[in-house]
C-alpha atoms as a PDB file:
ATOM      1  CA  UNK A   1      94.952 106.081  94.076  1.00  0.00           C
ATOM      2  CA  UNK A   2      92.566 107.756  96.470  1.00  0.00           C
ATOM      3  CA  UNK A   3      94.109 108.371  99.904  1.00  0.00           C
ATOM      4  CA  UNK A   4      90.832 109.088 101.700  1.00  0.00           C
ATOM      5  CA  UNK A   5      89.906 106.311 104.159  1.00  0.00           C
ATOM      6  CA  UNK A   6      93.132 104.407 103.498  1.00  0.00           C
ATOM      7  CA  UNK A   7      94.928 102.404 106.187  1.00  0.00           C
ATOM      8  CA  UNK A   8      98.608 103.115 105.670  1.00  0.00           C
ATOM      9  CA  UNK A   9     101.782 101.661 107.146  1.00  0.00           C
ATOM     10  CA  UNK A  10     105.020 103.624 106.849  1.00  0.00           C
ATOM     11  CA  UNK A  11     108.436 102.415 107.963  1.00  0.00           C
ATOM     12  CA  UNK A  12     111.149 104.653 109.387  1.00  0.00           C
ATOM     13  CA  UNK A  13     108.469 106.950 110.773  1.00  0.00           C
ATOM     14  CA  UNK A  14     110.835 108.728 113.140  1.00  0.00           C
ATOM     15  CA  UNK A  15     112.775 110.289 110.244  1.00  0.00           C
ATOM     16  CA  UNK A  16     112.265 113.734 108.767  1.00  0.00           C
ATOM     17  CA  UNK A  17     110.764 112.672 105.449  1.00  0.00           C
ATOM     18  CA  UNK A  18     108.353 110.191 107.050  1.00  0.00           C
ATOM     19  CA  UNK A  19     107.242 112.775 109.598  1.00  0.00           C
ATOM     20  CA  UNK A  20     106.415 115.175 106.775  1.00  0.00           C
ATOM     21  CA  UNK A  21     104.629 112.449 104.785  1.00  0.00           C
ATOM     22  CA  UNK A  22     102.490 111.536 107.792  1.00  0.00           C
ATOM     23  CA  UNK A  23     101.558 115.178 108.376  1.00  0.00           C
ATOM     24  CA  UNK A  24     100.555 115.522 104.719  1.00  0.00           C
ATOM     25  CA  UNK A  25      98.599 112.261 104.775  1.00  0.00           C
ATOM     26  CA  UNK A  26      96.621 113.554 107.722  1.00  0.00           C
ATOM     27  CA  UNK A  27      95.289 116.330 105.475  1.00  0.00           C
ATOM     28  CA  UNK A  28      93.922 113.662 103.102  1.00  0.00           C
ATOM     29  CA  UNK A  29      91.384 112.199 105.557  1.00  0.00           C
ATOM     30  CA  UNK A  30      93.093 108.830 105.760  1.00  0.00           C
ATOM     31  CA  UNK A  31      91.526 106.248 108.030  1.00  0.00           C
ATOM     32  CA  UNK A  32      94.622 105.218 109.988  1.00  0.00           C
ATOM     33  CA  UNK A  33      98.410 105.344 109.834  1.00  0.00           C
ATOM     34  CA  UNK A  34     100.704 102.765 111.383  1.00  0.00           C
ATOM     35  CA  UNK A  35     103.845 104.787 112.152  1.00  0.00           C
ATOM     36  CA  UNK A  36     106.613 102.235 112.622  1.00  0.00           C
ATOM     37  CA  UNK A  37     110.218 102.523 113.700  1.00  0.00           C
ATOM     38  CA  UNK A  38     112.892 101.310 116.090  1.00  0.00           C
ATOM     39  CA  UNK A  39     112.069 103.479 119.108  1.00  0.00           C
ATOM     40  CA  UNK A  40     108.466 103.223 120.272  1.00  0.00           C
ATOM     41  CA  UNK A  41     108.818 105.964 122.893  1.00  0.00           C
ATOM     42  CA  UNK A  42     110.091 108.400 120.277  1.00  0.00           C
ATOM     43  CA  UNK A  43     107.229 107.547 117.919  1.00  0.00           C
ATOM     44  CA  UNK A  44     104.616 108.014 120.632  1.00  0.00           C
ATOM     45  CA  UNK A  45     106.056 111.396 121.585  1.00  0.00           C
ATOM     46  CA  UNK A  46     106.383 112.573 117.986  1.00  0.00           C
ATOM     47  CA  UNK A  47     102.810 111.777 116.949  1.00  0.00           C
ATOM     48  CA  UNK A  48     100.779 112.141 120.141  1.00  0.00           C
ATOM     49  CA  UNK A  49      99.197 115.403 118.942  1.00  0.00           C
ATOM     50  CA  UNK A  50      97.606 113.645 115.959  1.00  0.00           C
ATOM     51  CA  UNK A  51      95.279 111.516 118.076  1.00  0.00           C
ATOM     52  CA  UNK A  52      94.056 107.963 117.531  1.00  0.00           C
ATOM     53  CA  UNK A  53      94.447 107.998 113.759  1.00  0.00           C
ATOM     54  CA  UNK A  54      98.174 107.386 114.150  1.00  0.00           C
ATOM     55  CA  UNK A  55      99.232 104.109 115.747  1.00  0.00           C
ATOM     56  CA  UNK A  56     102.939 104.025 116.709  1.00  0.00           C
ATOM     57  CA  UNK A  57     104.496 100.559 116.494  1.00  0.00           C
ATOM     58  CA  UNK A  58     107.985  99.227 117.063  1.00  0.00           C
ATOM     59  CA  UNK A  59     109.439  97.588 113.967  1.00  0.00           C
ATOM     60  CA  UNK A  60     112.914  96.464 112.973  1.00  0.00           C
ATOM     61  CA  UNK A  61     112.837  95.686 109.256  1.00  0.00           C
ATOM     62  CA  UNK A  62     116.123  93.767 109.522  1.00  0.00           C
ATOM     63  CA  UNK A  63     114.420  91.263 111.856  1.00  0.00           C
ATOM     64  CA  UNK A  64     111.986  88.777 110.323  1.00  0.00           C
ATOM     65  CA  UNK A  65     110.259  88.084 113.642  1.00  0.00           C
ATOM     66  CA  UNK A  66     109.665  91.808 114.128  1.00  0.00           C
ATOM     67  CA  UNK A  67     108.199  92.082 110.637  1.00  0.00           C
ATOM     68  CA  UNK A  68     105.987  89.047 111.206  1.00  0.00           C
ATOM     69  CA  UNK A  69     104.636  90.491 114.472  1.00  0.00           C
ATOM     70  CA  UNK A  70     103.953  93.822 112.780  1.00  0.00           C
ATOM     71  CA  UNK A  71     102.157  92.101 109.917  1.00  0.00           C
ATOM     72  CA  UNK A  72      99.795  90.398 112.345  1.00  0.00           C
ATOM     73  CA  UNK A  73      98.991  93.677 114.103  1.00  0.00           C
ATOM     74  CA  UNK A  74      98.527  95.611 110.862  1.00  0.00           C
ATOM     75  CA  UNK A  75      96.658  93.135 108.673  1.00  0.00           C
ATOM     76  CA  UNK A  76      94.222  95.843 107.543  1.00  0.00           C
ATOM     77  CA  UNK A  77      96.974  97.805 105.782  1.00  0.00           C
ATOM     78  CA  UNK A  78      96.083  98.658 102.188  1.00  0.00           C
ATOM     79  CA  UNK A  79      98.983 101.030 101.406  1.00  0.00           C
ATOM     80  CA  UNK A  80     102.533 100.075 102.386  1.00  0.00           C
ATOM     81  CA  UNK A  81     105.139 102.858 102.277  1.00  0.00           C
ATOM     82  CA  UNK A  82     108.676 101.471 102.533  1.00  0.00           C
ATOM     83  CA  UNK A  83     110.538 104.539 103.744  1.00  0.00           C
ATOM     84  CA  UNK A  84     113.084 103.269 106.300  1.00  0.00           C
ATOM     85  CA  UNK A  85     116.653 103.745 105.153  1.00  0.00           C
ATOM     86  CA  UNK A  86     120.248 104.227 106.238  1.00  0.00           C
ATOM     87  CA  UNK A  87     123.149 106.023 104.586  1.00  0.00           C
ATOM     88  CA  UNK A  88     126.717 105.664 105.855  1.00  0.00           C
ATOM     89  CA  UNK A  89     128.458 107.908 103.313  1.00  0.00           C
ATOM     90  CA  UNK A  90     131.124 105.299 102.665  1.00  0.00           C
ATOM     91  CA  UNK A  91     132.922 105.062  99.301  1.00  0.00           C
ATOM     92  CA  UNK A  92     133.837 101.623  97.993  1.00  0.00           C
ATOM     93  CA  UNK A  93     137.601 102.015  98.519  1.00  0.00           C
ATOM     94  CA  UNK A  94     137.485 102.271 102.273  1.00  0.00           C
ATOM     95  CA  UNK A  95     138.182  99.668 104.927  1.00  0.00           C
ATOM     96  CA  UNK A  96     134.639  99.707 106.334  1.00  0.00           C
ATOM     97  CA  UNK A  97     132.915  99.591 102.929  1.00  0.00           C
ATOM     98  CA  UNK A  98     131.902  95.952 103.215  1.00  0.00           C
ATOM     99  CA  UNK A  99     130.443  96.389 106.689  1.00  0.00           C
ATOM    100  CA  UNK A 100     128.531  99.510 105.625  1.00  0.00           C
ATOM    101  CA  UNK A 101     127.298  97.872 102.432  1.00  0.00           C
ATOM    102  CA  UNK A 102     125.985  94.853 104.312  1.00  0.00           C
ATOM    103  CA  UNK A 103     123.877  96.877 106.729  1.00  0.00           C
ATOM    104  CA  UNK A 104     122.626  99.279 104.048  1.00  0.00           C
ATOM    105  CA  UNK A 105     121.548  96.274 101.986  1.00  0.00           C
ATOM    106  CA  UNK A 106     119.760  94.789 105.011  1.00  0.00           C
ATOM    107  CA  UNK A 107     117.759  97.966 105.589  1.00  0.00           C
ATOM    108  CA  UNK A 108     117.406  99.566 102.158  1.00  0.00           C
ATOM    109  CA  UNK A 109     116.882  96.406 100.097  1.00  0.00           C
ATOM    110  CA  UNK A 110     116.372  93.126 101.968  1.00  0.00           C
ATOM    111  CA  UNK A 111     114.079  94.785 104.493  1.00  0.00           C
ATOM    112  CA  UNK A 112     111.899  96.091 101.662  1.00  0.00           C
ATOM    113  CA  UNK A 113     111.674  92.616 100.125  1.00  0.00           C
ATOM    114  CA  UNK A 114     110.684  91.155 103.490  1.00  0.00           C
ATOM    115  CA  UNK A 115     108.061  93.836 104.130  1.00  0.00           C
ATOM    116  CA  UNK A 116     106.477  93.374 100.709  1.00  0.00           C
ATOM    117  CA  UNK A 117     106.323  89.593 100.912  1.00  0.00           C
ATOM    118  CA  UNK A 118     104.948  89.523 104.454  1.00  0.00           C
ATOM    119  CA  UNK A 119     102.281  92.123 103.716  1.00  0.00           C
ATOM    120  CA  UNK A 120     101.386  90.889 100.233  1.00  0.00           C
ATOM    121  CA  UNK A 121      98.708  88.378 101.355  1.00  0.00           C
ATOM    122  CA  UNK A 122      96.935  91.174 103.240  1.00  0.00           C
ATOM    123  CA  UNK A 123      97.283  93.696 100.424  1.00  0.00           C
ATOM    124  CA  UNK A 124      95.736  91.184  98.039  1.00  0.00           C
ATOM    125  CA  UNK A 125      92.642  91.046 100.241  1.00  0.00           C
ATOM    126  CA  UNK A 126      92.052  94.785  99.960  1.00  0.00           C
ATOM    127  CA  UNK A 127      89.894  96.372  97.298  1.00  0.00           C
ATOM    128  CA  UNK A 128      92.951  98.201  95.964  1.00  0.00           C
ATOM    129  CA  UNK A 129      96.337  97.663  97.555  1.00  0.00           C
ATOM    130  CA  UNK A 130      99.403  99.794  97.023  1.00  0.00           C
ATOM    131  CA  UNK A 131     103.167  99.737  97.634  1.00  0.00           C
ATOM    132  CA  UNK A 132     105.316 102.870  97.611  1.00  0.00           C
ATOM    133  CA  UNK A 133     109.096 102.435  97.777  1.00  0.00           C
ATOM    134  CA  UNK A 134     111.037 105.537  98.776  1.00  0.00           C
ATOM    135  CA  UNK A 135     114.123 105.472  96.564  1.00  0.00           C
ATOM    136  CA  UNK A 136     116.718 108.072  95.559  1.00  0.00           C
ATOM    137  CA  UNK A 137     118.425 109.769  92.663  1.00  0.00           C
ATOM    138  CA  UNK A 138     121.219 107.496  93.890  1.00  0.00           C
ATOM    139  CA  UNK A 139     119.140 104.613  92.509  1.00  0.00           C
ATOM    140  CA  UNK A 140     119.794 106.020  89.028  1.00  0.00           C
ATOM    141  CA  UNK A 141     123.263 107.573  89.256  1.00  0.00           C
ATOM    142  CA  UNK A 142     126.470 106.971  91.195  1.00  0.00           C
ATOM    143  CA  UNK A 143     127.320 109.450  93.930  1.00  0.00           C
ATOM    144  CA  UNK A 144     130.965 108.494  94.484  1.00  0.00           C
ATOM    145  CA  UNK A 145     131.085 109.288  98.193  1.00  0.00           C
ATOM    146  CA  UNK A 146     127.882 107.257  98.665  1.00  0.00           C
ATOM    147  CA  UNK A 147     128.929 104.174  96.735  1.00  0.00           C
ATOM    148  CA  UNK A 148     127.526 101.518  99.064  1.00  0.00           C
ATOM    149  CA  UNK A 149     124.294 103.471  99.622  1.00  0.00           C
ATOM    150  CA  UNK A 150     123.716 103.910  95.879  1.00  0.00           C
ATOM    151  CA  UNK A 151     124.180 100.181  95.383  1.00  0.00           C
ATOM    152  CA  UNK A 152     121.454  99.346  97.894  1.00  0.00           C
ATOM    153  CA  UNK A 153     119.062 101.912  96.435  1.00  0.00           C
ATOM    154  CA  UNK A 154     119.745 100.693  92.889  1.00  0.00           C
ATOM    155  CA  UNK A 155     118.872  97.178  94.003  1.00  0.00           C
ATOM    156  CA  UNK A 156     115.547  98.407  95.368  1.00  0.00           C
ATOM    157  CA  UNK A 157     114.907 100.319  92.142  1.00  0.00           C
ATOM    158  CA  UNK A 158     115.284  97.043  90.241  1.00  0.00           C
ATOM    159  CA  UNK A 159     112.990  95.341  92.748  1.00  0.00           C
ATOM    160  CA  UNK A 160     110.365  98.059  92.219  1.00  0.00           C
ATOM    161  CA  UNK A 161     110.540  97.878  88.435  1.00  0.00           C
ATOM    162  CA  UNK A 162     110.420  94.075  88.481  1.00  0.00           C
ATOM    163  CA  UNK A 163     107.321  93.585  90.631  1.00  0.00           C
ATOM    164  CA  UNK A 164     105.234  96.432  89.188  1.00  0.00           C
ATOM    165  CA  UNK A 165     103.774  94.566  86.216  1.00  0.00           C
ATOM    166  CA  UNK A 166     103.177  91.307  88.068  1.00  0.00           C
ATOM    167  CA  UNK A 167     101.387  92.957  90.979  1.00  0.00           C
ATOM    168  CA  UNK A 168      99.412  95.262  88.685  1.00  0.00           C
ATOM    169  CA  UNK A 169      97.730  92.159  87.305  1.00  0.00           C
ATOM    170  CA  UNK A 170      96.677  91.369  90.887  1.00  0.00           C
ATOM    171  CA  UNK A 171      95.268  94.825  91.571  1.00  0.00           C
ATOM    172  CA  UNK A 172      98.212  96.234  93.526  1.00  0.00           C
ATOM    173  CA  UNK A 173      99.793  99.506  92.428  1.00  0.00           C
ATOM    174  CA  UNK A 174     103.583  99.730  92.823  1.00  0.00           C
ATOM    175  CA  UNK A 175     105.246 103.147  92.839  1.00  0.00           C
ATOM    176  CA  UNK A 176     108.821 104.323  93.239  1.00  0.00           C
ATOM    177  CA  UNK A 177     109.809 107.715  94.657  1.00  0.00           C
ATOM    178  CA  UNK A 178     113.103 109.196  93.451  1.00  0.00           C
ATOM    179  CA  UNK A 179     114.488 112.260  95.202  1.00  0.00           C
ATOM    180  CA  UNK A 180     117.715 114.199  95.476  1.00  0.00           C
ATOM    181  CA  UNK A 181     119.010 115.880  98.640  1.00  0.00           C
ATOM    182  CA  UNK A 182     116.442 116.731 101.311  1.00  0.00           C
ATOM    183  CA  UNK A 183     116.971 119.022 104.287  1.00  0.00           C
ATOM    184  CA  UNK A 184     116.881 116.359 107.011  1.00  0.00           C
ATOM    185  CA  UNK A 185     119.253 114.959 109.625  1.00  0.00           C
ATOM    186  CA  UNK A 186     120.443 112.384 107.086  1.00  0.00           C
ATOM    187  CA  UNK A 187     122.040 115.152 104.989  1.00  0.00           C
ATOM    188  CA  UNK A 188     123.376 117.844 107.363  1.00  0.00           C
ATOM    189  CA  UNK A 189     126.352 118.713 105.130  1.00  0.00           C
ATOM    190  CA  UNK A 190     126.500 121.261 102.331  1.00  0.00           C
ATOM    191  CA  UNK A 191     125.580 119.782  98.941  1.00  0.00           C
ATOM    192  CA  UNK A 192     126.292 120.857  95.365  1.00  0.00           C
ATOM    193  CA  UNK A 193     122.610 120.577  94.455  1.00  0.00           C
ATOM    194  CA  UNK A 194     119.943 122.417  96.438  1.00  0.00           C
ATOM    195  CA  UNK A 195     118.165 120.609  99.259  1.00  0.00           C
ATOM    196  CA  UNK A 196     114.403 120.265  99.054  1.00  0.00           C
ATOM    197  CA  UNK A 197     112.284 120.785 102.155  1.00  0.00           C
ATOM    198  CA  UNK A 198     110.564 117.700 103.654  1.00  0.00           C
ATOM    199  CA  UNK A 199     107.139 119.374 103.519  1.00  0.00           C
ATOM    200  CA  UNK A 200     107.449 120.016  99.772  1.00  0.00           C
ATOM    201  CA  UNK A 201     108.688 116.464  99.194  1.00  0.00           C
ATOM    202  CA  UNK A 202     105.763 115.034 101.165  1.00  0.00           C
ATOM    203  CA  UNK A 203     103.205 117.069  99.234  1.00  0.00           C
ATOM    204  CA  UNK A 204     104.662 115.935  95.903  1.00  0.00           C
ATOM    205  CA  UNK A 205     104.732 112.293  97.007  1.00  0.00           C
ATOM    206  CA  UNK A 206     101.095 112.331  98.093  1.00  0.00           C
ATOM    207  CA  UNK A 207     100.117 114.078  94.862  1.00  0.00           C
ATOM    208  CA  UNK A 208     101.989 111.445  92.886  1.00  0.00           C
ATOM    209  CA  UNK A 209     100.192 108.660  94.748  1.00  0.00           C
ATOM    210  CA  UNK A 210      96.832 110.290  94.046  1.00  0.00           C
ATOM    211  CA  UNK A 211      97.808 110.603  90.374  1.00  0.00           C
ATOM    212  CA  UNK A 212      98.714 106.889  90.161  1.00  0.00           C
ATOM    213  CA  UNK A 213     102.240 107.681  88.964  1.00  0.00           C
ATOM    214  CA  UNK A 214     104.542 104.679  88.562  1.00  0.00           C
ATOM    215  CA  UNK A 215     107.563 106.868  89.267  1.00  0.00           C
ATOM    216  CA  UNK A 216     107.334 109.979  91.410  1.00  0.00           C
ATOM    217  CA  UNK A 217     109.967 112.735  91.167  1.00  0.00           C
ATOM    218  CA  UNK A 218     109.211 115.114  94.050  1.00  0.00           C
ATOM    219  CA  UNK A 219     111.982 117.705  93.602  1.00  0.00           C
ATOM    220  CA  UNK A 220     113.310 119.888  90.793  1.00  0.00           C
ATOM    221  CA  UNK A 221     116.812 118.368  90.818  1.00  0.00           C
ATOM    222  CA  UNK A 222     115.535 114.851  90.177  1.00  0.00           C
ATOM    223  CA  UNK A 223     113.009 116.000  87.587  1.00  0.00           C
ATOM    224  CA  UNK A 224     115.771 117.780  85.651  1.00  0.00           C
ATOM    225  CA  UNK A 225     118.029 114.737  85.900  1.00  0.00           C
ATOM    226  CA  UNK A 226     115.361 112.346  84.622  1.00  0.00           C
ATOM    227  CA  UNK A 227     114.490 114.651  81.711  1.00  0.00           C
ATOM    228  CA  UNK A 228     118.098 114.292  80.557  1.00  0.00           C
ATOM    229  CA  UNK A 229     118.399 110.641  81.600  1.00  0.00           C
ATOM    230  CA  UNK A 230     114.989 108.950  81.370  1.00  0.00           C
ATOM    231  CA  UNK A 231     114.576 105.609  83.100  1.00  0.00           C
ATOM    232  CA  UNK A 232     114.683 102.795  80.562  1.00  0.00           C
ATOM    233  CA  UNK A 233     114.383  99.420  82.272  1.00  0.00           C
ATOM    234  CA  UNK A 234     115.166  96.514  79.972  1.00  0.00           C
ATOM    235  CA  UNK A 235     113.893  92.993  80.653  1.00  0.00           C
ATOM    236  CA  UNK A 236     115.682  89.965  79.265  1.00  0.00           C
ATOM    237  CA  UNK A 237     113.967  86.560  79.040  1.00  0.00           C
END
């Protein structure tokens, strides 16, 4: 998928990975980027040096009205990057597990469904539409201390695998991005596996998009994991 002249919307744009993705996209001569997130003032401050190509917009992906308003403002989007996510680091056997799981599902899974279905009519009108879901190695394996988070990311992995074939027939490319630990504010603690740098992750993601990869593995830890445990999605009629 060629990134040149694309109009792109990315959610969770105030986070470290999204910031790096936007910076990398700007090297690809994209037409416009809608940088969306919860705090409009923060978005404006973060991206003001990039000029008019980046349009900061307030968006709460847990709120249908907010999504609907964003859809109307960004109807020319031809590449949707679902990046927004939360991680509470709550294992299942903890008092607050249900509360954490509910909100993680709202952001990491339900919000992605809502974004896709609201933007789908507009993507279908483009010459070539695309959807990129930012997932995790936690979509493919259980990290015990991140039980509720892994559940939400696994759900979105299944969503991504399910809609890929159907939307391909309609001219829309669906890609999933699977990564391990990244050196951002979401993972400040020490980790057993090395942390990748956001800039390297962003470069690999953009390269994967340009290569039309169904599944993008932007760091060495995830690539090694998938070599030993290849994704094998089974469909049952």
